[in-house]
Amino acid sequence: MFVMIEHNPFNPVTQLVVSRVPVDRDAHLLTARSARQVESAAKLDPFRTEYFLYLPKPLYRRLGRVENLLQWLPLGGQYASYALKR
């Protein structure tokens, strides 16, 4: 199994943070769709995408279950794209 964890370019907070961090100056954020295309080009079969980092840490401690309910919604701060070797 291969898992790619990436910043989500559709999350406005992620965009703000990446734009202000010097190490990310030349970073190009990949959409989940682009990640799946990269996986396919590497002869992997993408089968699942999960979004996470919706809540700040203090809220996550109390409402972490909400994140599990939102993993389908492409607005989390990051996502994980899962693929299997062909």
N, C-alpha and C. Protein backbone atom coordinates (compact mmCIF):
# COMPACT_ATOMS: atom_id res chain seq x y z
N MET A 1 0.84 -1.18 0.00
CA MET A 1 0.00 0.00 0.00
C MET A 1 0.89 1.24 0.00
N PHE A 2 0.44 2.25 -0.70
CA PHE A 2 1.11 3.54 -0.78
C PHE A 2 0.13 4.60 -0.26
N VAL A 3 0.63 5.50 0.57
CA VAL A 3 -0.19 6.60 1.08
C VAL A 3 0.54 7.91 0.86
N MET A 4 -0.12 8.84 0.20
CA MET A 4 0.42 10.19 0.00
C MET A 4 -0.38 11.14 0.89
N ILE A 5 0.31 11.84 1.77
CA ILE A 5 -0.33 12.85 2.61
C ILE A 5 0.12 14.21 2.11
N GLU A 6 -0.85 15.06 1.84
CA GLU A 6 -0.55 16.32 1.15
C GLU A 6 -1.40 17.44 1.74
N HIS A 7 -0.90 18.66 1.65
CA HIS A 7 -1.70 19.85 2.00
C HIS A 7 -2.84 19.98 1.00
N ASN A 8 -3.99 20.39 1.48
CA ASN A 8 -5.15 20.54 0.62
C ASN A 8 -5.24 21.97 0.08
N PRO A 9 -5.07 22.18 -1.22
CA PRO A 9 -5.10 23.53 -1.78
C PRO A 9 -6.48 24.20 -1.71
N PHE A 10 -7.53 23.44 -1.41
CA PHE A 10 -8.87 24.02 -1.31
C PHE A 10 -9.18 24.56 0.08
N ASN A 11 -8.28 24.36 1.02
CA ASN A 11 -8.48 24.86 2.38
C ASN A 11 -7.83 26.24 2.49
N PRO A 12 -8.61 27.29 2.82
CA PRO A 12 -8.04 28.64 2.87
C PRO A 12 -6.97 28.83 3.94
N VAL A 13 -7.07 28.14 5.06
CA VAL A 13 -6.05 28.26 6.10
C VAL A 13 -4.74 27.64 5.61
N THR A 14 -4.84 26.52 4.95
CA THR A 14 -3.65 25.88 4.38
C THR A 14 -2.98 26.80 3.37
N GLN A 15 -3.77 27.42 2.51
CA GLN A 15 -3.21 28.35 1.53
C GLN A 15 -2.47 29.48 2.21
N LEU A 16 -3.06 30.03 3.27
CA LEU A 16 -2.43 31.14 4.01
C LEU A 16 -1.12 30.70 4.64
N VAL A 17 -1.13 29.57 5.32
CA VAL A 17 0.08 29.09 5.99
C VAL A 17 1.19 28.82 4.97
N VAL A 18 0.87 28.12 3.90
CA VAL A 18 1.89 27.79 2.88
C VAL A 18 2.44 29.06 2.24
N SER A 19 1.60 30.07 2.04
CA SER A 19 2.07 31.32 1.42
C SER A 19 3.02 32.10 2.32
N ARG A 20 2.98 31.83 3.63
CA ARG A 20 3.81 32.60 4.58
C ARG A 20 5.05 31.86 5.08
N VAL A 21 5.17 30.60 4.76
CA VAL A 21 6.29 29.80 5.26
C VAL A 21 7.39 29.80 4.20
N PRO A 22 8.58 30.29 4.55
CA PRO A 22 9.66 30.39 3.55
C PRO A 22 10.02 29.06 2.89
N VAL A 23 9.98 27.96 3.62
CA VAL A 23 10.36 26.68 3.03
C VAL A 23 9.38 26.25 1.93
N ASP A 24 8.15 26.77 1.97
CA ASP A 24 7.15 26.43 0.95
C ASP A 24 7.07 27.46 -0.17
N ARG A 25 8.03 28.35 -0.26
CA ARG A 25 7.99 29.44 -1.23
C ARG A 25 7.70 28.96 -2.65
N ASP A 26 8.33 27.88 -3.07
CA ASP A 26 8.15 27.38 -4.43
C ASP A 26 7.23 26.15 -4.49
N ALA A 27 6.50 25.91 -3.41
CA ALA A 27 5.63 24.72 -3.36
C ALA A 27 4.43 24.88 -4.29
N HIS A 28 4.05 23.79 -4.90
CA HIS A 28 2.84 23.72 -5.72
C HIS A 28 1.95 22.67 -5.07
N LEU A 29 0.85 23.11 -4.50
CA LEU A 29 -0.04 22.19 -3.80
C LEU A 29 -0.81 21.33 -4.80
N LEU A 30 -0.85 20.03 -4.53
CA LEU A 30 -1.54 19.09 -5.40
C LEU A 30 -2.97 18.89 -4.92
N THR A 31 -3.89 18.91 -5.83
CA THR A 31 -5.25 18.51 -5.48
C THR A 31 -5.25 17.00 -5.31
N ALA A 32 -6.28 16.48 -4.66
CA ALA A 32 -6.39 15.03 -4.51
C ALA A 32 -6.49 14.36 -5.88
N ARG A 33 -7.16 15.01 -6.80
CA ARG A 33 -7.26 14.46 -8.16
C ARG A 33 -5.87 14.33 -8.79
N SER A 34 -5.04 15.37 -8.64
CA SER A 34 -3.67 15.32 -9.17
C SER A 34 -2.86 14.22 -8.49
N ALA A 35 -3.05 14.06 -7.19
CA ALA A 35 -2.35 13.00 -6.46
C ALA A 35 -2.72 11.63 -7.02
N ARG A 36 -4.00 11.43 -7.28
CA ARG A 36 -4.44 10.15 -7.85
C ARG A 36 -3.85 9.93 -9.25
N GLN A 37 -3.72 11.00 -10.02
CA GLN A 37 -3.11 10.89 -11.35
C GLN A 37 -1.63 10.51 -11.24
N VAL A 38 -0.93 11.08 -10.27
CA VAL A 38 0.48 10.73 -10.05
C VAL A 38 0.58 9.26 -9.64
N GLU A 39 -0.31 8.84 -8.76
CA GLU A 39 -0.30 7.43 -8.34
C GLU A 39 -0.56 6.50 -9.52
N SER A 40 -1.53 6.85 -10.34
CA SER A 40 -1.84 6.02 -11.52
C SER A 40 -0.65 5.96 -12.48
N ALA A 41 0.01 7.09 -12.68
CA ALA A 41 1.18 7.13 -13.57
C ALA A 41 2.31 6.26 -13.03
N ALA A 42 2.34 6.07 -11.71
CA ALA A 42 3.36 5.22 -11.08
C ALA A 42 2.91 3.76 -11.01
N LYS A 43 1.86 3.44 -11.77
CA LYS A 43 1.31 2.08 -11.83
C LYS A 43 0.76 1.62 -10.48
N LEU A 44 0.13 2.55 -9.78
CA LEU A 44 -0.59 2.25 -8.55
C LEU A 44 -2.07 2.44 -8.82
N ASP A 45 -2.90 1.76 -8.05
CA ASP A 45 -4.35 1.89 -8.18
C ASP A 45 -4.92 2.67 -6.99
N PRO A 46 -5.23 3.96 -7.19
CA PRO A 46 -5.82 4.74 -6.11
C PRO A 46 -7.19 4.17 -5.73
N PHE A 47 -7.46 4.09 -4.42
CA PHE A 47 -8.75 3.53 -4.02
C PHE A 47 -9.46 4.32 -2.93
N ARG A 48 -8.79 5.29 -2.32
CA ARG A 48 -9.46 6.03 -1.24
C ARG A 48 -8.76 7.36 -1.00
N THR A 49 -9.55 8.38 -0.67
CA THR A 49 -9.02 9.68 -0.26
C THR A 49 -9.75 10.10 1.01
N GLU A 50 -9.01 10.52 2.01
CA GLU A 50 -9.60 11.00 3.26
C GLU A 50 -9.05 12.40 3.55
N TYR A 51 -9.94 13.30 3.91
CA TYR A 51 -9.55 14.66 4.29
C TYR A 51 -9.56 14.77 5.80
N PHE A 52 -8.62 15.56 6.34
CA PHE A 52 -8.54 15.73 7.79
C PHE A 52 -7.95 17.09 8.12
N LEU A 53 -7.77 17.37 9.38
CA LEU A 53 -7.33 18.67 9.92
C LEU A 53 -8.38 19.75 9.66
N TYR A 54 -9.57 19.49 10.09
CA TYR A 54 -10.65 20.48 10.03
C TYR A 54 -10.64 21.38 11.27
N LEU A 55 -10.28 20.79 12.40
CA LEU A 55 -10.43 21.48 13.68
C LEU A 55 -9.07 21.81 14.30
N PRO A 56 -8.95 22.96 14.96
CA PRO A 56 -7.73 23.24 15.71
C PRO A 56 -7.62 22.28 16.90
N LYS A 57 -6.42 22.07 17.39
CA LYS A 57 -6.14 21.09 18.42
C LYS A 57 -7.06 21.17 19.65
N PRO A 58 -7.31 22.37 20.20
CA PRO A 58 -8.20 22.42 21.39
C PRO A 58 -9.61 21.89 21.11
N LEU A 59 -10.13 22.16 19.92
CA LEU A 59 -11.45 21.64 19.57
C LEU A 59 -11.41 20.16 19.23
N TYR A 60 -10.31 19.73 18.62
CA TYR A 60 -10.19 18.33 18.23
C TYR A 60 -10.25 17.42 19.45
N ARG A 61 -9.68 17.86 20.56
CA ARG A 61 -9.70 17.05 21.78
C ARG A 61 -11.12 16.73 22.23
N ARG A 62 -12.03 17.67 21.99
CA ARG A 62 -13.42 17.46 22.42
C ARG A 62 -14.32 16.96 21.29
N LEU A 63 -13.99 17.33 20.05
CA LEU A 63 -14.88 17.04 18.92
C LEU A 63 -14.21 16.21 17.82
N GLY A 64 -13.21 15.43 18.20
CA GLY A 64 -12.46 14.66 17.21
C GLY A 64 -13.32 13.74 16.37
N ARG A 65 -14.42 13.26 16.91
CA ARG A 65 -15.30 12.38 16.15
C ARG A 65 -15.91 13.09 14.93
N VAL A 66 -16.05 14.40 15.04
CA VAL A 66 -16.59 15.18 13.93
C VAL A 66 -15.68 15.05 12.70
N GLU A 67 -14.38 15.05 12.93
CA GLU A 67 -13.43 14.91 11.81
C GLU A 67 -13.67 13.61 11.05
N ASN A 68 -13.96 12.53 11.77
CA ASN A 68 -14.22 11.25 11.11
C ASN A 68 -15.46 11.34 10.22
N LEU A 69 -16.43 12.11 10.62
CA LEU A 69 -17.64 12.27 9.82
C LEU A 69 -17.42 13.13 8.58
N LEU A 70 -16.37 13.97 8.62
CA LEU A 70 -16.11 14.91 7.53
C LEU A 70 -15.05 14.45 6.55
N GLN A 71 -14.48 13.26 6.74
CA GLN A 71 -13.33 12.88 5.91
C GLN A 71 -13.64 12.80 4.42
N TRP A 72 -14.88 12.75 4.05
CA TRP A 72 -15.28 12.73 2.63
C TRP A 72 -15.29 14.14 2.03
N LEU A 73 -15.41 15.16 2.87
CA LEU A 73 -15.57 16.55 2.43
C LEU A 73 -14.21 17.16 2.09
N PRO A 74 -13.98 17.59 0.84
CA PRO A 74 -12.64 18.02 0.41
C PRO A 74 -12.24 19.43 0.87
N LEU A 75 -12.41 19.70 2.17
CA LEU A 75 -12.05 21.02 2.69
C LEU A 75 -11.08 20.96 3.87
N GLY A 76 -10.72 19.77 4.32
CA GLY A 76 -9.77 19.66 5.43
C GLY A 76 -8.42 20.25 5.07
N GLY A 77 -7.62 20.54 6.05
CA GLY A 77 -6.31 21.13 5.83
C GLY A 77 -5.34 20.23 5.08
N GLN A 78 -5.52 18.92 5.24
CA GLN A 78 -4.70 17.94 4.54
C GLN A 78 -5.58 16.79 4.07
N TYR A 79 -4.98 15.97 3.22
CA TYR A 79 -5.68 14.75 2.80
C TYR A 79 -4.67 13.62 2.67
N ALA A 80 -5.19 12.42 2.72
CA ALA A 80 -4.40 11.22 2.47
C ALA A 80 -5.00 10.51 1.28
N SER A 81 -4.17 10.18 0.32
CA SER A 81 -4.61 9.44 -0.87
C SER A 81 -3.98 8.05 -0.79
N TYR A 82 -4.81 7.03 -0.83
CA TYR A 82 -4.37 5.64 -0.69
C TYR A 82 -4.38 4.95 -2.05
N ALA A 83 -3.36 4.14 -2.28
CA ALA A 83 -3.26 3.38 -3.53
C ALA A 83 -2.59 2.04 -3.26
N LEU A 84 -2.90 1.09 -4.13
CA LEU A 84 -2.30 -0.25 -4.04
C LEU A 84 -1.44 -0.51 -5.27
N LYS A 85 -0.42 -1.33 -5.09
CA LYS A 85 0.43 -1.75 -6.20
C LYS A 85 -0.37 -2.65 -7.12
N ARG A 86 -0.26 -2.42 -8.41
CA ARG A 86 -0.97 -3.26 -9.39
C ARG A 86 -0.41 -4.65 -9.43
